[in-house]
Amino acid sequence: MAALNVRFTDDELDALRRRAEEEGRSMQSFAHDAVIAAINEHSRLFNEAAAHVLKVSEELNRRLA
């Protein structure tokens, strides 16, 4: 599996450590899941926006076809 080094300030690293500890998880697991959640959220928002555009332009698209 590929790896990635991520740089944090001391304060950011402390916050990451605290949050991971609060959830009983490793910092690596917590950071991994946070990145995956951000990726998935971006995809969800894009798909939602695309569906909205298709819906509101449905009549225009029908006329132009």
Protein backbone atom coordinates (compact mmCIF):
# COMPACT_ATOMS: atom_id res chain seq x y z
CA MET A 1 0.00 0.00 0.00
CA ALA A 2 1.27 3.46 -0.85
CA ALA A 3 2.10 5.96 1.90
CA LEU A 4 1.97 9.72 2.16
CA ASN A 5 3.81 12.08 4.48
CA VAL A 6 1.73 15.02 5.67
CA ARG A 7 3.17 17.99 7.52
CA PHE A 8 1.31 19.58 10.44
CA THR A 9 2.10 22.47 12.73
CA ASP A 10 2.66 21.54 16.35
CA ASP A 11 -0.82 22.81 17.24
CA GLU A 12 -2.45 20.87 14.40
CA LEU A 13 -0.62 17.71 15.39
CA ASP A 14 -1.68 18.13 19.02
CA ALA A 15 -5.30 18.59 17.92
CA LEU A 16 -5.07 15.49 15.72
CA ARG A 17 -3.57 13.48 18.56
CA ARG A 18 -6.30 14.59 20.99
CA ARG A 19 -9.16 13.82 18.57
CA ALA A 20 -7.74 10.42 17.69
CA GLU A 21 -7.28 9.58 21.38
CA GLU A 22 -10.85 10.73 22.16
CA GLU A 23 -12.12 8.25 19.60
CA GLY A 24 -9.72 5.51 20.70
CA ARG A 25 -8.03 5.43 17.32
CA SER A 26 -4.56 5.89 15.92
CA MET A 27 -3.67 9.22 14.39
CA GLN A 28 -2.99 7.45 11.09
CA SER A 29 -6.43 5.84 11.04
CA PHE A 30 -8.13 9.09 12.02
CA ALA A 31 -6.27 11.13 9.38
CA HIS A 32 -6.92 8.49 6.69
CA ASP A 33 -10.63 8.46 7.37
CA ALA A 34 -10.78 12.28 7.43
CA VAL A 35 -9.16 12.46 3.98
CA ILE A 36 -11.46 9.79 2.55
CA ALA A 37 -14.49 11.59 4.01
CA ALA A 38 -13.36 14.85 2.36
CA ILE A 39 -12.95 13.10 -0.98
CA ASN A 40 -16.37 11.47 -0.71
CA GLU A 41 -18.01 14.73 0.34
CA HIS A 42 -16.53 16.52 -2.67
CA SER A 43 -17.87 13.81 -4.98
CA ARG A 44 -21.28 13.95 -3.32
CA LEU A 45 -21.49 17.73 -3.67
CA PHE A 46 -20.43 17.55 -7.32
CA ASN A 47 -23.04 14.90 -8.10
CA GLU A 48 -25.70 16.87 -6.25
CA ALA A 49 -24.85 20.04 -8.20
CA ALA A 50 -24.86 18.18 -11.52
CA ALA A 51 -28.26 16.66 -10.76
CA HIS A 52 -29.60 20.12 -9.87
CA VAL A 53 -28.32 21.65 -13.12
CA LEU A 54 -29.83 18.83 -15.15
CA LYS A 55 -33.16 19.25 -13.40
CA VAL A 56 -33.43 23.02 -13.78
CA SER A 57 -32.28 22.94 -17.41
CA GLU A 58 -34.44 19.97 -18.39
CA GLU A 59 -36.97 22.04 -20.35
CA LEU A 60 -34.29 24.05 -22.13
CA ASN A 61 -32.39 20.88 -23.04
CA ARG A 62 -35.60 19.36 -24.40
CA ARG A 63 -36.19 22.42 -26.59
CA LEU A 64 -32.64 22.45 -27.88
CA ALA A 65 -32.64 18.76 -28.74
